[in-house]
Structures are given as structure tokens and as C-alpha cells.
Amino acid sequence: MAKDEVFPNYQKKLKKELDADRYEHTIGVAYTAAALAMRYGANIQQAQVAGLLHDCAKCIPNQKKIALCQKYNIKMREVELENPFLLHAKLGAFLAMHKYGITDKEITSAILSHTTGRPNMSLLEKIIFVADYIEPQRKKQPNLKEIRKLAFIDLDRALLQILEDTLTFLSASAGNIDPMTEKTYLYYKNLLKDKKQDS
């Protein structure tokens, strides 16, 4: 797929599907993901496409998210039914394939895991997860300045800090914590601990 043909087409569709703030966020994630891909030697076009499409289902009303998941036999966990906004990653991966014609499994997997992460993420998955948190439009996330620097020094450490800050925020605000976020946090906490002991 030629970049000049594909990106404007995605952006045109997304502009109709997303509100103005979400669209600006999406463009920010695509550019940040491209920068991280350059830094870590990942495929830049994959990173840009995954960044553009990561929130393609975000602005669908929550009840419609549930209805679409039921219609297309997308499995929903209890935490997702209680917090339907979490479904935008799962539904977004589905729409990326069936609405935007994405056949690259690495891209759809990065969209799928961009909210909670997962243990043993691929490089592209980590890039989209981190880019979503640090893109230029973000302003309220804790430790943002430090994480933005860290993202270009040690992607795993940036990832772990984001997960830790997310869990701290959700615990303090009595928000529902997706068990996958906790699993991902423990995985990378142990991974970095083992790396430190080996060095």
C-alpha cells in the first residue's frame, strides 16, 4: 500500500468518525508512534497506521459498542460490560480489519492491546501503547515530562511507569481496574527486575 494513497483515505474517514479532540489526539499518536519507530528500528508505516486507527471505535456510544460486539460475536468480559468504553480497543481492531481493510496482524494486535497492554508485547504494541500516553496533546497524565524523555531512552521502563501511574490513578479514583492492566504491570515489573539482576 502506497503511503500517499492510504493515509489521506484513513484520515478522511476518521475525521467523520471522531470528534475534533479525538481526531487531534489520533494524529498526535500517529506522529509520536512514527518517532518511536525510528528510535527503536520498528516499521514506521506500521506505526503510523496503527497510531491513526488505534481509537477508530472510541467515539461510538457505549451501548452501541456493546451491540456491535454482540452482532459480530466479539467476546466481552465482565469488566468490559461494566465499563463499555474499554471495548473500543477490541472493537477498533475489528473495524480496522473490516472497515479500513487492515490485513496486517501486527497492526490489529497493537490496536487491540493499546489500552491495557498485555504481557510480552511486540515492539509495535509497546510503541502504540506508549505513544497513546505521551503524544503532544496529552497534558494531565502524571509524570508526563519524565515519561516522554524515558520513552526515547528505555521503552520498557516507560511502559512500566505508565502502567504504574495508571493503576495508582484508578485505585485513588475508585475506578474499575482491568485485570489485564495488572497482569501487564506485574509482567514488566518482574522482567525489568530480572534484567537489573542480570546486569
Protein backbone atom coordinates (compact mmCIF):
# COMPACT_ATOMS: atom_id res chain seq x y z
CA MET A 1 0.00 0.00 0.00
CA ALA A 2 1.36 3.34 -1.04
CA LYS A 3 1.61 5.84 1.81
CA ASP A 4 0.25 8.75 -0.26
CA GLU A 5 -2.89 6.77 -1.16
CA VAL A 6 -3.58 5.24 2.23
CA PHE A 7 -3.03 7.89 4.91
CA PRO A 8 -5.32 10.63 3.48
CA ASN A 9 -8.01 7.96 2.98
CA TYR A 10 -7.78 6.87 6.63
CA GLN A 11 -7.70 10.45 7.85
CA LYS A 12 -10.74 11.40 5.76
CA LYS A 13 -12.76 8.51 7.21
CA LEU A 14 -11.56 9.14 10.76
CA LYS A 15 -12.48 12.83 10.60
CA LYS A 16 -16.10 11.75 10.08
CA GLU A 17 -16.00 9.14 12.87
CA LEU A 18 -14.17 11.06 15.64
CA ASP A 19 -14.84 14.31 17.44
CA ALA A 20 -12.32 17.14 16.92
CA ASP A 21 -10.30 16.49 20.10
CA ARG A 22 -10.10 12.74 19.48
CA TYR A 23 -9.03 13.34 15.88
CA GLU A 24 -6.21 15.67 17.01
CA HIS A 25 -5.16 13.06 19.58
CA THR A 26 -5.12 10.41 16.85
CA ILE A 27 -2.86 12.48 14.60
CA GLY A 28 -0.57 13.09 17.59
CA VAL A 29 -0.35 9.36 18.34
CA ALA A 30 0.46 8.57 14.68
CA TYR A 31 3.37 11.06 14.63
CA THR A 32 4.64 10.04 18.07
CA ALA A 33 4.47 6.36 17.08
CA ALA A 34 6.46 7.14 13.93
CA ALA A 35 9.13 8.91 16.01
CA LEU A 36 9.37 5.96 18.42
CA ALA A 37 9.52 3.55 15.47
CA MET A 38 12.51 5.50 14.10
CA ARG A 39 14.17 5.40 17.50
CA TYR A 40 13.74 1.65 18.03
CA GLY A 41 14.02 0.39 14.45
CA ALA A 42 10.38 -0.62 14.00
CA ASN A 43 8.40 -0.31 10.77
CA ILE A 44 7.46 3.38 10.52
CA GLN A 45 4.43 2.89 8.25
CA GLN A 46 3.00 0.17 10.52
CA ALA A 47 3.42 2.50 13.50
CA GLN A 48 1.70 5.40 11.70
CA VAL A 49 -1.25 3.28 10.55
CA ALA A 50 -1.71 1.67 13.99
CA GLY A 51 -1.48 5.13 15.56
CA LEU A 52 -4.09 6.55 13.20
CA LEU A 53 -6.55 3.70 13.75
CA HIS A 54 -5.99 2.89 17.43
CA ASP A 55 -9.07 4.90 18.56
CA CYS A 56 -11.25 4.38 15.47
CA ALA A 57 -14.06 2.97 17.68
CA LYS A 58 -13.60 5.43 20.55
CA CYS A 59 -16.48 7.80 19.71
CA ILE A 60 -19.08 5.08 19.17
CA PRO A 61 -21.64 5.40 22.01
CA ASN A 62 -21.12 2.81 24.75
CA GLN A 63 -24.39 0.93 24.24
CA LYS A 64 -23.70 0.76 20.52
CA LYS A 65 -20.22 -0.65 21.28
CA ILE A 66 -21.89 -3.48 23.21
CA ALA A 67 -24.46 -4.03 20.45
CA LEU A 68 -21.76 -4.18 17.75
CA CYS A 69 -19.70 -6.64 19.79
CA GLN A 70 -22.80 -8.83 20.18
CA LYS A 71 -23.58 -8.54 16.47
CA TYR A 72 -20.07 -9.56 15.40
CA ASN A 73 -19.57 -12.20 18.13
CA ILE A 74 -16.75 -10.27 19.80
CA LYS A 75 -16.34 -11.73 23.28
CA MET A 76 -16.84 -9.30 26.13
CA ARG A 77 -15.51 -9.76 29.64
CA GLU A 78 -17.42 -8.67 32.73
CA VAL A 79 -15.16 -5.66 33.30
CA GLU A 80 -15.83 -4.54 29.70
CA LEU A 81 -19.61 -4.87 30.08
CA GLU A 82 -19.42 -2.79 33.27
CA ASN A 83 -17.11 -0.26 31.56
CA PRO A 84 -18.06 -0.33 27.85
CA PHE A 85 -15.52 2.38 26.97
CA LEU A 86 -12.90 -0.37 27.35
CA LEU A 87 -14.41 -2.12 24.32
CA HIS A 88 -13.06 0.50 21.93
CA ALA A 89 -9.74 -1.34 21.61
CA LYS A 90 -11.34 -4.70 20.82
CA LEU A 91 -13.96 -3.21 18.53
CA GLY A 92 -11.34 -0.91 16.99
CA ALA A 93 -9.19 -3.90 15.99
CA PHE A 94 -12.26 -5.48 14.37
CA LEU A 95 -13.17 -2.26 12.50
CA ALA A 96 -9.55 -1.80 11.39
CA MET A 97 -9.84 -5.14 9.61
CA HIS A 98 -13.40 -4.94 8.30
CA LYS A 99 -13.94 -1.21 7.72
CA TYR A 100 -10.43 0.06 6.97
CA GLY A 101 -9.12 -3.06 5.23
CA ILE A 102 -6.15 -3.75 7.51
CA THR A 103 -4.78 -7.25 6.98
CA ASP A 104 -1.56 -6.76 8.97
CA LYS A 105 -1.99 -8.70 12.22
CA GLU A 106 0.75 -6.70 13.95
CA ILE A 107 -1.26 -3.51 13.43
CA THR A 108 -4.56 -5.01 14.62
CA SER A 109 -2.80 -6.53 17.63
CA ALA A 110 -1.32 -3.14 18.54
CA ILE A 111 -4.82 -1.59 18.38
CA LEU A 112 -6.22 -4.45 20.46
CA SER A 113 -3.72 -4.05 23.31
CA HIS A 114 -3.31 -0.26 23.38
CA THR A 115 -5.46 0.40 26.48
CA THR A 116 -4.46 -2.33 28.92
CA GLY A 117 -1.28 -3.67 27.37
CA ARG A 118 -0.53 -7.37 27.69
CA PRO A 119 2.38 -9.47 28.91
CA ASN A 120 5.19 -9.93 26.37
CA MET A 121 4.09 -7.24 23.93
CA SER A 122 5.66 -6.88 20.50
CA LEU A 123 7.72 -3.78 19.75
CA LEU A 124 4.87 -2.25 17.75
CA GLU A 125 2.37 -2.91 20.55
CA LYS A 126 4.65 -1.19 23.05
CA ILE A 127 5.16 1.77 20.71
CA ILE A 128 1.40 2.35 20.28
CA PHE A 129 0.73 1.89 24.00
CA VAL A 130 3.40 4.47 24.93
CA ALA A 131 2.61 6.87 22.05
CA ASP A 132 -1.04 6.95 23.15
CA TYR A 133 0.07 8.19 26.59
CA ILE A 134 2.76 10.70 25.62
CA GLU A 135 1.52 12.31 22.38
CA PRO A 136 1.72 16.14 22.32
CA GLN A 137 -1.99 16.80 23.03
CA ARG A 138 -1.80 15.00 26.39
CA LYS A 139 -1.50 17.34 29.36
CA LYS A 140 -2.98 15.80 32.52
CA GLN A 141 -1.19 12.45 32.84
CA PRO A 142 1.13 12.18 35.87
CA ASN A 143 4.91 12.21 35.34
CA LEU A 144 4.33 13.10 31.69
CA LYS A 145 7.53 15.12 31.22
CA GLU A 146 9.69 12.33 32.66
CA ILE A 147 7.89 9.58 30.73
CA ARG A 148 8.26 11.47 27.45
CA LYS A 149 12.03 11.56 27.98
CA LEU A 150 12.17 7.97 29.18
CA ALA A 151 10.20 6.71 26.15
CA PHE A 152 13.15 7.53 23.90
CA ILE A 153 15.72 6.04 26.29
CA ASP A 154 14.12 2.81 27.55
CA LEU A 155 10.73 1.81 26.13
CA ASP A 156 10.10 -0.95 28.70
CA ARG A 157 10.77 1.37 31.63
CA ALA A 158 8.44 3.99 30.13
CA LEU A 159 5.81 1.31 29.68
CA LEU A 160 6.14 0.18 33.28
CA GLN A 161 5.89 3.76 34.59
CA ILE A 162 2.72 4.34 32.55
CA LEU A 163 1.17 1.14 33.91
CA GLU A 164 2.13 2.02 37.48
CA ASP A 165 0.72 5.55 37.18
CA THR A 166 -2.48 4.22 35.58
CA LEU A 167 -3.04 1.69 38.37
CA THR A 168 -2.32 4.34 41.03
CA PHE A 169 -4.79 6.75 39.42
CA LEU A 170 -7.53 4.11 39.09
CA SER A 171 -7.06 2.96 42.68
CA ALA A 172 -7.21 6.52 44.01
CA SER A 173 -10.30 7.38 41.97
CA ALA A 174 -12.07 4.08 42.74
CA GLY A 175 -12.15 3.31 39.01
CA ASN A 176 -12.53 -0.24 37.79
CA ILE A 177 -9.16 -1.82 37.07
CA ASP A 178 -8.97 -4.19 34.14
CA PRO A 179 -7.17 -7.36 35.36
CA MET A 180 -5.10 -7.31 32.14
CA THR A 181 -3.54 -3.99 33.18
CA GLU A 182 -2.44 -5.57 36.47
CA LYS A 183 -1.09 -8.66 34.69
CA THR A 184 0.85 -6.48 32.26
CA TYR A 185 2.25 -4.36 35.08
CA LEU A 186 3.44 -7.41 37.05
CA TYR A 187 4.97 -8.96 33.92
CA TYR A 188 7.08 -5.87 33.11
CA LYS A 189 7.92 -5.21 36.74
CA ASN A 190 9.38 -8.73 37.03
CA LEU A 191 11.04 -8.51 33.61
CA LEU A 192 12.88 -5.30 34.48
CA LYS A 193 13.78 -6.65 37.92
CA ASP A 194 15.33 -9.73 36.30
CA LYS A 195 17.17 -7.57 33.76
CA LYS A 196 18.59 -5.43 36.58
CA GLN A 197 19.81 -8.52 38.47
CA ASP A 198 21.44 -9.91 35.30
CA SER A 199 23.31 -6.69 34.50
